[in-house]
N, C-alpha and C. Protein backbone atom coordinates (compact mmCIF):
# COMPACT_ATOMS: atom_id res chain seq x y z
N MET A 1 0.83 -1.18 0.00
CA MET A 1 0.00 0.00 0.00
C MET A 1 0.87 1.24 0.00
N ALA A 2 0.41 2.25 -0.63
CA ALA A 2 1.13 3.52 -0.67
C ALA A 2 0.70 4.39 0.50
N GLY A 3 1.62 4.70 1.40
CA GLY A 3 1.32 5.59 2.52
C GLY A 3 0.23 5.04 3.42
N ASP A 4 -0.69 5.92 3.82
CA ASP A 4 -1.78 5.54 4.71
C ASP A 4 -3.08 5.28 3.96
N THR A 5 -2.99 4.80 2.71
CA THR A 5 -4.20 4.59 1.93
C THR A 5 -4.74 3.19 2.15
N THR A 6 -6.04 3.05 1.97
CA THR A 6 -6.67 1.74 2.04
C THR A 6 -6.55 1.06 0.68
N LEU A 7 -6.89 -0.21 0.65
CA LEU A 7 -6.86 -0.94 -0.60
C LEU A 7 -7.77 -0.29 -1.63
N SER A 8 -8.97 0.09 -1.25
CA SER A 8 -9.90 0.70 -2.20
C SER A 8 -9.41 2.07 -2.66
N GLU A 9 -8.74 2.83 -1.79
CA GLU A 9 -8.20 4.12 -2.20
C GLU A 9 -7.01 3.94 -3.14
N ASN A 10 -6.22 2.91 -2.88
CA ASN A 10 -5.04 2.65 -3.70
C ASN A 10 -5.42 2.26 -5.13
N TYR A 11 -6.56 1.60 -5.28
CA TYR A 11 -7.02 1.16 -6.59
C TYR A 11 -8.32 1.87 -6.96
N ALA A 12 -8.39 3.15 -6.68
CA ALA A 12 -9.59 3.93 -6.98
C ALA A 12 -9.81 3.96 -8.49
N PHE A 13 -11.01 3.72 -8.91
CA PHE A 13 -11.37 3.73 -10.32
C PHE A 13 -11.65 5.17 -10.73
N ALA A 14 -10.87 5.69 -11.66
CA ALA A 14 -10.97 7.10 -12.02
C ALA A 14 -11.66 7.33 -13.35
N GLY A 15 -12.11 6.30 -14.02
CA GLY A 15 -12.81 6.52 -15.28
C GLY A 15 -12.32 5.59 -16.37
N VAL A 16 -12.94 5.69 -17.52
CA VAL A 16 -12.63 4.86 -18.67
C VAL A 16 -12.19 5.76 -19.81
N TYR A 17 -11.09 5.39 -20.44
CA TYR A 17 -10.63 6.09 -21.64
C TYR A 17 -10.83 5.16 -22.82
N HIS A 18 -11.47 5.66 -23.85
CA HIS A 18 -11.74 4.84 -25.02
C HIS A 18 -10.99 5.43 -26.21
N VAL A 19 -9.85 4.82 -26.55
CA VAL A 19 -9.02 5.36 -27.65
C VAL A 19 -8.65 4.29 -28.66
N PHE A 20 -9.30 3.13 -28.64
CA PHE A 20 -8.84 2.01 -29.44
C PHE A 20 -9.75 1.68 -30.62
N ASP A 21 -10.51 2.62 -31.13
CA ASP A 21 -11.44 2.35 -32.23
C ASP A 21 -10.76 1.90 -33.51
N GLN A 22 -9.47 2.18 -33.66
CA GLN A 22 -8.78 1.83 -34.91
C GLN A 22 -8.59 0.32 -35.06
N HIS A 23 -8.84 -0.48 -34.02
CA HIS A 23 -8.65 -1.93 -34.08
C HIS A 23 -9.98 -2.67 -34.01
N THR A 24 -10.98 -2.22 -34.73
CA THR A 24 -12.32 -2.78 -34.60
C THR A 24 -12.45 -4.18 -35.18
N ASP A 25 -11.61 -4.57 -36.14
CA ASP A 25 -11.77 -5.87 -36.78
C ASP A 25 -10.82 -6.94 -36.26
N SER A 26 -9.92 -6.60 -35.34
CA SER A 26 -8.95 -7.57 -34.86
C SER A 26 -8.78 -7.45 -33.34
N ALA A 27 -8.39 -8.56 -32.75
CA ALA A 27 -8.19 -8.59 -31.30
C ALA A 27 -6.99 -7.75 -30.89
N VAL A 28 -7.04 -7.21 -29.69
CA VAL A 28 -5.94 -6.46 -29.09
C VAL A 28 -5.41 -7.32 -27.94
N PRO A 29 -4.29 -8.04 -28.16
CA PRO A 29 -3.81 -8.96 -27.12
C PRO A 29 -3.10 -8.29 -25.95
N LYS A 30 -2.66 -7.04 -26.11
CA LYS A 30 -1.92 -6.42 -25.01
C LYS A 30 -2.08 -4.91 -25.02
N VAL A 31 -2.21 -4.34 -23.82
CA VAL A 31 -2.18 -2.90 -23.59
C VAL A 31 -1.19 -2.69 -22.45
N GLN A 32 -0.26 -1.73 -22.62
CA GLN A 32 0.74 -1.51 -21.58
C GLN A 32 1.10 -0.03 -21.48
N PHE A 33 1.16 0.47 -20.24
CA PHE A 33 1.64 1.83 -20.01
C PHE A 33 3.14 1.88 -20.17
N ALA A 34 3.63 3.03 -20.59
CA ALA A 34 5.07 3.27 -20.65
C ALA A 34 5.60 3.33 -19.22
N HIS A 35 6.91 3.12 -19.05
CA HIS A 35 7.52 3.13 -17.73
C HIS A 35 7.42 4.52 -17.10
N ASP A 36 6.97 4.57 -15.85
CA ASP A 36 6.88 5.81 -15.08
C ASP A 36 6.13 6.91 -15.82
N ASP A 37 5.11 6.54 -16.57
CA ASP A 37 4.31 7.53 -17.30
C ASP A 37 2.86 7.05 -17.29
N ARG A 38 2.02 7.69 -16.53
CA ARG A 38 0.64 7.23 -16.42
C ARG A 38 -0.27 7.76 -17.53
N HIS A 39 0.29 8.51 -18.46
CA HIS A 39 -0.52 9.07 -19.55
C HIS A 39 -0.16 8.52 -20.93
N LEU A 40 0.93 7.77 -21.04
CA LEU A 40 1.38 7.23 -22.33
C LEU A 40 1.22 5.71 -22.30
N LEU A 41 0.53 5.18 -23.28
CA LEU A 41 0.38 3.73 -23.37
C LEU A 41 0.38 3.30 -24.81
N ALA A 42 0.51 2.01 -25.01
CA ALA A 42 0.47 1.43 -26.35
C ALA A 42 -0.35 0.17 -26.30
N CYS A 43 -0.88 -0.22 -27.45
CA CYS A 43 -1.59 -1.50 -27.57
C CYS A 43 -1.21 -2.12 -28.90
N CYS A 44 -1.09 -3.43 -28.92
CA CYS A 44 -0.81 -4.13 -30.18
C CYS A 44 -2.07 -4.85 -30.63
N SER A 45 -2.10 -5.17 -31.91
CA SER A 45 -3.30 -5.77 -32.48
C SER A 45 -2.93 -6.88 -33.44
N LEU A 46 -3.85 -7.82 -33.59
CA LEU A 46 -3.65 -8.88 -34.57
C LEU A 46 -3.85 -8.39 -35.99
N ASP A 47 -4.17 -7.08 -36.16
CA ASP A 47 -4.21 -6.51 -37.51
C ASP A 47 -2.81 -6.10 -37.99
N GLY A 48 -1.77 -6.33 -37.16
CA GLY A 48 -0.39 -6.05 -37.55
C GLY A 48 0.11 -4.68 -37.16
N THR A 49 -0.63 -3.95 -36.34
CA THR A 49 -0.23 -2.60 -35.96
C THR A 49 -0.08 -2.47 -34.45
N ILE A 50 0.60 -1.38 -34.06
CA ILE A 50 0.72 -0.99 -32.66
C ILE A 50 0.28 0.47 -32.59
N SER A 51 -0.59 0.78 -31.64
CA SER A 51 -1.03 2.16 -31.45
C SER A 51 -0.37 2.73 -30.21
N VAL A 52 0.20 3.92 -30.34
CA VAL A 52 0.78 4.64 -29.20
C VAL A 52 -0.22 5.75 -28.87
N CYS A 53 -0.68 5.77 -27.62
CA CYS A 53 -1.77 6.67 -27.22
C CYS A 53 -1.38 7.54 -26.04
N ARG A 54 -1.99 8.71 -25.98
CA ARG A 54 -1.83 9.62 -24.85
C ARG A 54 -3.19 9.81 -24.21
N LEU A 55 -3.25 9.63 -22.90
CA LEU A 55 -4.52 9.77 -22.19
C LEU A 55 -4.77 11.19 -21.70
N ALA A 56 -3.70 11.93 -21.36
CA ALA A 56 -3.84 13.29 -20.85
C ALA A 56 -2.55 14.02 -21.18
N PRO A 57 -2.50 15.30 -21.23
CA PRO A 57 -3.58 16.27 -21.05
C PRO A 57 -4.49 16.32 -22.28
N GLY A 58 -5.63 16.87 -22.05
CA GLY A 58 -6.61 16.98 -23.14
C GLY A 58 -7.34 15.67 -23.34
N PRO A 59 -8.11 15.57 -24.40
CA PRO A 59 -8.83 14.33 -24.65
C PRO A 59 -7.85 13.23 -25.06
N PRO A 60 -8.15 11.96 -24.74
CA PRO A 60 -7.28 10.87 -25.17
C PRO A 60 -7.09 10.89 -26.68
N ALA A 61 -5.89 10.54 -27.12
CA ALA A 61 -5.59 10.60 -28.55
C ALA A 61 -4.60 9.52 -28.94
N VAL A 62 -4.70 9.06 -30.18
CA VAL A 62 -3.73 8.15 -30.76
C VAL A 62 -2.62 9.02 -31.35
N LEU A 63 -1.39 8.86 -30.84
CA LEU A 63 -0.26 9.67 -31.31
C LEU A 63 0.36 9.08 -32.57
N GLN A 64 0.53 7.77 -32.60
CA GLN A 64 1.14 7.09 -33.74
C GLN A 64 0.49 5.73 -33.91
N VAL A 65 0.39 5.28 -35.16
CA VAL A 65 0.05 3.90 -35.45
C VAL A 65 1.26 3.33 -36.17
N LEU A 66 1.91 2.36 -35.54
CA LEU A 66 3.12 1.76 -36.09
C LEU A 66 2.73 0.63 -37.03
N ARG A 67 3.07 0.79 -38.30
CA ARG A 67 2.68 -0.18 -39.34
C ARG A 67 3.92 -0.77 -39.99
N GLY A 68 3.84 -2.02 -40.39
CA GLY A 68 4.95 -2.65 -41.09
C GLY A 68 4.96 -4.16 -40.97
N HIS A 69 4.38 -4.70 -39.92
CA HIS A 69 4.33 -6.15 -39.79
C HIS A 69 3.38 -6.74 -40.82
N GLY A 70 3.73 -7.92 -41.32
CA GLY A 70 2.88 -8.61 -42.29
C GLY A 70 1.90 -9.58 -41.64
N GLY A 71 1.93 -9.66 -40.33
CA GLY A 71 1.02 -10.53 -39.57
C GLY A 71 0.66 -9.85 -38.27
N GLY A 72 -0.14 -10.52 -37.49
CA GLY A 72 -0.58 -9.95 -36.23
C GLY A 72 0.57 -9.71 -35.27
N VAL A 73 0.47 -8.66 -34.47
CA VAL A 73 1.46 -8.37 -33.44
C VAL A 73 1.00 -9.06 -32.16
N ALA A 74 1.79 -10.03 -31.71
CA ALA A 74 1.41 -10.83 -30.54
C ALA A 74 1.83 -10.17 -29.23
N ASP A 75 2.91 -9.36 -29.26
CA ASP A 75 3.41 -8.77 -28.03
C ASP A 75 4.29 -7.58 -28.38
N PHE A 76 4.54 -6.73 -27.38
CA PHE A 76 5.45 -5.61 -27.51
C PHE A 76 5.95 -5.25 -26.13
N ALA A 77 7.00 -4.44 -26.09
CA ALA A 77 7.53 -3.98 -24.80
C ALA A 77 8.17 -2.61 -24.99
N TRP A 78 8.08 -1.79 -23.93
CA TRP A 78 8.73 -0.48 -23.91
C TRP A 78 10.16 -0.64 -23.39
N SER A 79 11.10 0.14 -23.93
CA SER A 79 12.43 0.21 -23.33
C SER A 79 12.32 1.00 -22.04
N LEU A 80 13.35 0.94 -21.21
CA LEU A 80 13.30 1.64 -19.92
C LEU A 80 13.10 3.13 -20.07
N SER A 81 13.67 3.71 -21.12
CA SER A 81 13.57 5.16 -21.33
C SER A 81 12.35 5.54 -22.17
N ASN A 82 11.56 4.57 -22.60
CA ASN A 82 10.35 4.78 -23.41
C ASN A 82 10.63 5.34 -24.79
N ASP A 83 11.88 5.34 -25.23
CA ASP A 83 12.18 5.88 -26.55
C ASP A 83 12.21 4.80 -27.63
N VAL A 84 12.04 3.54 -27.24
CA VAL A 84 12.03 2.42 -28.19
C VAL A 84 10.93 1.44 -27.77
N LEU A 85 10.22 0.92 -28.77
CA LEU A 85 9.30 -0.19 -28.56
C LEU A 85 9.85 -1.37 -29.35
N VAL A 86 9.74 -2.57 -28.82
CA VAL A 86 10.06 -3.78 -29.56
C VAL A 86 8.76 -4.53 -29.76
N SER A 87 8.57 -5.10 -30.94
CA SER A 87 7.34 -5.86 -31.21
C SER A 87 7.70 -7.23 -31.76
N ALA A 88 6.90 -8.22 -31.37
CA ALA A 88 7.04 -9.60 -31.84
C ALA A 88 5.78 -9.93 -32.64
N SER A 89 5.99 -10.45 -33.84
CA SER A 89 4.85 -10.65 -34.73
C SER A 89 4.73 -12.10 -35.19
N LEU A 90 3.51 -12.46 -35.53
CA LEU A 90 3.25 -13.78 -36.09
C LEU A 90 3.83 -13.92 -37.49
N ASP A 91 4.29 -12.80 -38.10
CA ASP A 91 4.93 -12.88 -39.41
C ASP A 91 6.39 -13.34 -39.32
N GLY A 92 6.87 -13.61 -38.09
CA GLY A 92 8.23 -14.10 -37.91
C GLY A 92 9.28 -13.01 -37.82
N THR A 93 8.86 -11.78 -37.54
CA THR A 93 9.84 -10.69 -37.40
C THR A 93 9.69 -9.99 -36.06
N LEU A 94 10.82 -9.49 -35.61
CA LEU A 94 10.88 -8.60 -34.47
C LEU A 94 11.21 -7.23 -35.05
N ARG A 95 10.57 -6.21 -34.53
CA ARG A 95 10.86 -4.86 -35.00
C ARG A 95 11.12 -3.95 -33.82
N LEU A 96 12.06 -3.03 -34.01
CA LEU A 96 12.32 -1.97 -33.06
C LEU A 96 11.76 -0.69 -33.65
N TRP A 97 11.04 0.07 -32.84
CA TRP A 97 10.33 1.26 -33.30
C TRP A 97 10.72 2.48 -32.47
N ALA A 98 10.66 3.64 -33.10
CA ALA A 98 10.75 4.92 -32.40
C ALA A 98 9.32 5.41 -32.23
N PRO A 99 8.73 5.24 -31.05
CA PRO A 99 7.31 5.57 -30.89
C PRO A 99 7.00 7.06 -31.05
N ALA A 100 7.98 7.92 -30.86
CA ALA A 100 7.74 9.36 -30.98
C ALA A 100 7.36 9.76 -32.40
N ASP A 101 8.00 9.12 -33.40
CA ASP A 101 7.69 9.50 -34.78
C ASP A 101 7.19 8.33 -35.63
N GLY A 102 7.09 7.14 -35.07
CA GLY A 102 6.52 6.00 -35.79
C GLY A 102 7.48 5.27 -36.71
N ARG A 103 8.77 5.62 -36.68
CA ARG A 103 9.73 4.96 -37.57
C ARG A 103 10.06 3.55 -37.10
N CYS A 104 10.22 2.65 -38.05
CA CYS A 104 10.77 1.33 -37.77
C CYS A 104 12.29 1.48 -37.83
N ILE A 105 12.94 1.27 -36.69
CA ILE A 105 14.39 1.44 -36.60
C ILE A 105 15.12 0.21 -37.15
N ARG A 106 14.55 -0.96 -36.87
CA ARG A 106 15.21 -2.19 -37.30
C ARG A 106 14.20 -3.31 -37.41
N ARG A 107 14.42 -4.18 -38.38
CA ARG A 107 13.60 -5.37 -38.60
C ARG A 107 14.52 -6.57 -38.48
N VAL A 108 14.17 -7.54 -37.64
CA VAL A 108 15.00 -8.72 -37.43
C VAL A 108 14.13 -9.96 -37.67
N PRO A 109 14.40 -10.71 -38.75
CA PRO A 109 13.61 -11.91 -39.01
C PRO A 109 14.06 -13.07 -38.11
N ASP A 110 13.13 -13.93 -37.75
CA ASP A 110 13.47 -15.15 -37.03
C ASP A 110 14.24 -16.05 -37.98
N PRO A 111 15.36 -16.63 -37.54
CA PRO A 111 16.16 -17.46 -38.45
C PRO A 111 15.39 -18.66 -39.00
N ASP A 112 14.41 -19.16 -38.26
CA ASP A 112 13.62 -20.29 -38.74
C ASP A 112 12.32 -19.86 -39.40
N GLY A 113 12.07 -18.57 -39.47
CA GLY A 113 10.83 -18.07 -40.04
C GLY A 113 9.61 -18.34 -39.18
N ALA A 114 9.84 -18.65 -37.91
CA ALA A 114 8.74 -19.00 -37.00
C ALA A 114 8.05 -17.76 -36.47
N ALA A 115 6.80 -17.93 -36.11
CA ALA A 115 6.04 -16.84 -35.50
C ALA A 115 6.68 -16.46 -34.17
N LEU A 116 6.79 -15.15 -33.92
CA LEU A 116 7.33 -14.67 -32.65
C LEU A 116 6.15 -14.39 -31.73
N LEU A 117 6.20 -14.94 -30.53
CA LEU A 117 5.05 -14.92 -29.64
C LEU A 117 5.13 -13.89 -28.53
N CYS A 118 6.31 -13.64 -27.99
CA CYS A 118 6.43 -12.64 -26.94
C CYS A 118 7.84 -12.09 -26.88
N CYS A 119 7.97 -10.92 -26.28
CA CYS A 119 9.26 -10.24 -26.21
C CYS A 119 9.31 -9.41 -24.95
N ALA A 120 10.52 -9.11 -24.49
CA ALA A 120 10.69 -8.29 -23.29
C ALA A 120 12.07 -7.67 -23.30
N PHE A 121 12.17 -6.45 -22.78
CA PHE A 121 13.46 -5.83 -22.51
C PHE A 121 13.90 -6.26 -21.12
N GLN A 122 15.17 -6.61 -20.97
CA GLN A 122 15.72 -6.90 -19.66
C GLN A 122 15.86 -5.57 -18.94
N PRO A 123 15.30 -5.40 -17.74
CA PRO A 123 15.21 -4.08 -17.13
C PRO A 123 16.54 -3.42 -16.78
N LEU A 124 17.60 -4.17 -16.58
CA LEU A 124 18.86 -3.55 -16.17
C LEU A 124 19.68 -3.02 -17.33
N ASN A 125 19.57 -3.64 -18.51
CA ASN A 125 20.45 -3.23 -19.60
C ASN A 125 19.79 -3.16 -20.97
N ASN A 126 18.48 -3.33 -21.03
CA ASN A 126 17.73 -3.27 -22.28
C ASN A 126 18.09 -4.37 -23.27
N ASN A 127 18.71 -5.48 -22.83
CA ASN A 127 18.85 -6.64 -23.71
C ASN A 127 17.45 -7.18 -23.99
N LEU A 128 17.31 -7.88 -25.11
CA LEU A 128 16.01 -8.40 -25.51
C LEU A 128 15.89 -9.89 -25.26
N THR A 129 14.70 -10.32 -24.90
CA THR A 129 14.36 -11.73 -24.84
C THR A 129 13.15 -11.92 -25.74
N VAL A 130 13.21 -12.91 -26.62
CA VAL A 130 12.13 -13.16 -27.57
C VAL A 130 11.83 -14.66 -27.55
N VAL A 131 10.55 -15.02 -27.60
CA VAL A 131 10.14 -16.41 -27.65
C VAL A 131 9.42 -16.62 -28.98
N SER A 132 9.79 -17.71 -29.67
CA SER A 132 9.16 -17.99 -30.96
C SER A 132 8.47 -19.33 -30.93
N ASP A 133 7.86 -19.65 -32.05
CA ASP A 133 7.14 -20.89 -32.22
C ASP A 133 7.97 -21.87 -33.04
N ALA A 134 9.29 -21.69 -33.04
CA ALA A 134 10.17 -22.56 -33.83
C ALA A 134 10.18 -23.95 -33.24
N PRO A 135 10.31 -24.97 -34.09
CA PRO A 135 10.39 -26.33 -33.56
C PRO A 135 11.68 -26.50 -32.78
N PRO A 136 11.68 -27.35 -31.77
CA PRO A 136 12.91 -27.55 -31.00
C PRO A 136 13.96 -28.25 -31.84
N TYR A 137 15.22 -28.02 -31.49
CA TYR A 137 16.29 -28.73 -32.17
C TYR A 137 16.20 -30.20 -31.82
N PRO A 138 16.61 -31.07 -32.72
CA PRO A 138 16.54 -32.51 -32.42
C PRO A 138 17.48 -32.86 -31.26
N PRO A 139 17.19 -33.97 -30.57
CA PRO A 139 18.08 -34.38 -29.48
C PRO A 139 19.49 -34.62 -29.99
N GLY A 140 20.43 -34.47 -29.11
CA GLY A 140 21.83 -34.68 -29.48
C GLY A 140 22.65 -33.47 -29.11
N PRO A 141 23.85 -33.38 -29.66
CA PRO A 141 24.70 -32.25 -29.32
C PRO A 141 24.08 -30.94 -29.79
N ALA A 142 24.39 -29.90 -29.06
CA ALA A 142 23.86 -28.57 -29.42
C ALA A 142 24.39 -28.17 -30.79
N PRO A 143 23.57 -27.47 -31.57
CA PRO A 143 24.03 -27.04 -32.89
C PRO A 143 25.16 -26.03 -32.77
N THR A 144 26.03 -26.02 -33.76
CA THR A 144 27.13 -25.06 -33.78
C THR A 144 26.57 -23.69 -34.10
N PRO A 145 26.91 -22.67 -33.30
CA PRO A 145 26.40 -21.33 -33.60
C PRO A 145 26.93 -20.85 -34.95
N PRO A 146 26.22 -19.95 -35.61
CA PRO A 146 26.63 -19.51 -36.95
C PRO A 146 27.98 -18.80 -36.96
N TRP A 147 28.44 -18.31 -35.83
CA TRP A 147 29.71 -17.61 -35.80
C TRP A 147 30.87 -18.55 -35.52
N GLY A 148 30.59 -19.85 -35.32
CA GLY A 148 31.65 -20.84 -35.15
C GLY A 148 31.91 -21.19 -33.70
N PRO A 149 32.40 -22.41 -33.46
CA PRO A 149 32.59 -22.85 -32.08
C PRO A 149 33.67 -22.09 -31.35
N SER A 150 34.69 -21.58 -32.03
CA SER A 150 35.77 -20.88 -31.33
C SER A 150 35.34 -19.53 -30.77
N ALA A 151 34.23 -19.00 -31.25
CA ALA A 151 33.76 -17.71 -30.77
C ALA A 151 32.88 -17.82 -29.53
N GLN A 152 32.58 -19.06 -29.12
CA GLN A 152 31.75 -19.23 -27.92
C GLN A 152 32.50 -18.73 -26.69
N ARG A 153 31.76 -18.20 -25.74
CA ARG A 153 32.34 -17.72 -24.50
C ARG A 153 33.06 -18.86 -23.80
N GLY A 154 34.28 -18.62 -23.40
CA GLY A 154 35.05 -19.61 -22.66
C GLY A 154 35.78 -20.60 -23.55
N ALA A 155 35.52 -20.61 -24.85
CA ALA A 155 36.20 -21.54 -25.74
C ALA A 155 37.60 -21.02 -26.03
N PRO A 156 38.57 -21.92 -26.15
CA PRO A 156 39.93 -21.47 -26.48
C PRO A 156 39.96 -20.89 -27.88
N PRO A 157 40.86 -19.96 -28.14
CA PRO A 157 40.95 -19.38 -29.48
C PRO A 157 41.36 -20.43 -30.50
N ALA A 158 40.92 -20.22 -31.70
CA ALA A 158 41.25 -21.15 -32.80
C ALA A 158 42.75 -21.11 -33.06
N PRO A 159 43.36 -22.28 -33.42
CA PRO A 159 44.82 -22.30 -33.70
C PRO A 159 45.16 -21.55 -34.95
């Protein structure tokens, strides 16, 4: 609890904001506020877009609609500084976005072409974690990374 507030005061219902009309034909799997900002939020949709919205000041408004995925957006996450969004899509791509102006900064395809299901920024250093729908590797020794076995951490240098 915050200070001397009761449970009901801590979770006081202050109203409903309706800003998501642009996703009328597809499901919205996630809505998330930006870090330390109670007026900036985003939502992703299975129509392949992400909407960045402002709740206040003034009437609620859609600031940007991030377009570019060829399939539904299953998940997204804000960076710690709120200057980057990462999105995971069923089209098998991860995208980094500048939510302030709607630019796609980078597109990263899944190496197996699998649908990407969820993503997250690691809170201490903004590293990314992404989960896909790729089939598991067959049993046996681990596959050799594309950069070669000598580049693995702790491996001796190549002769």
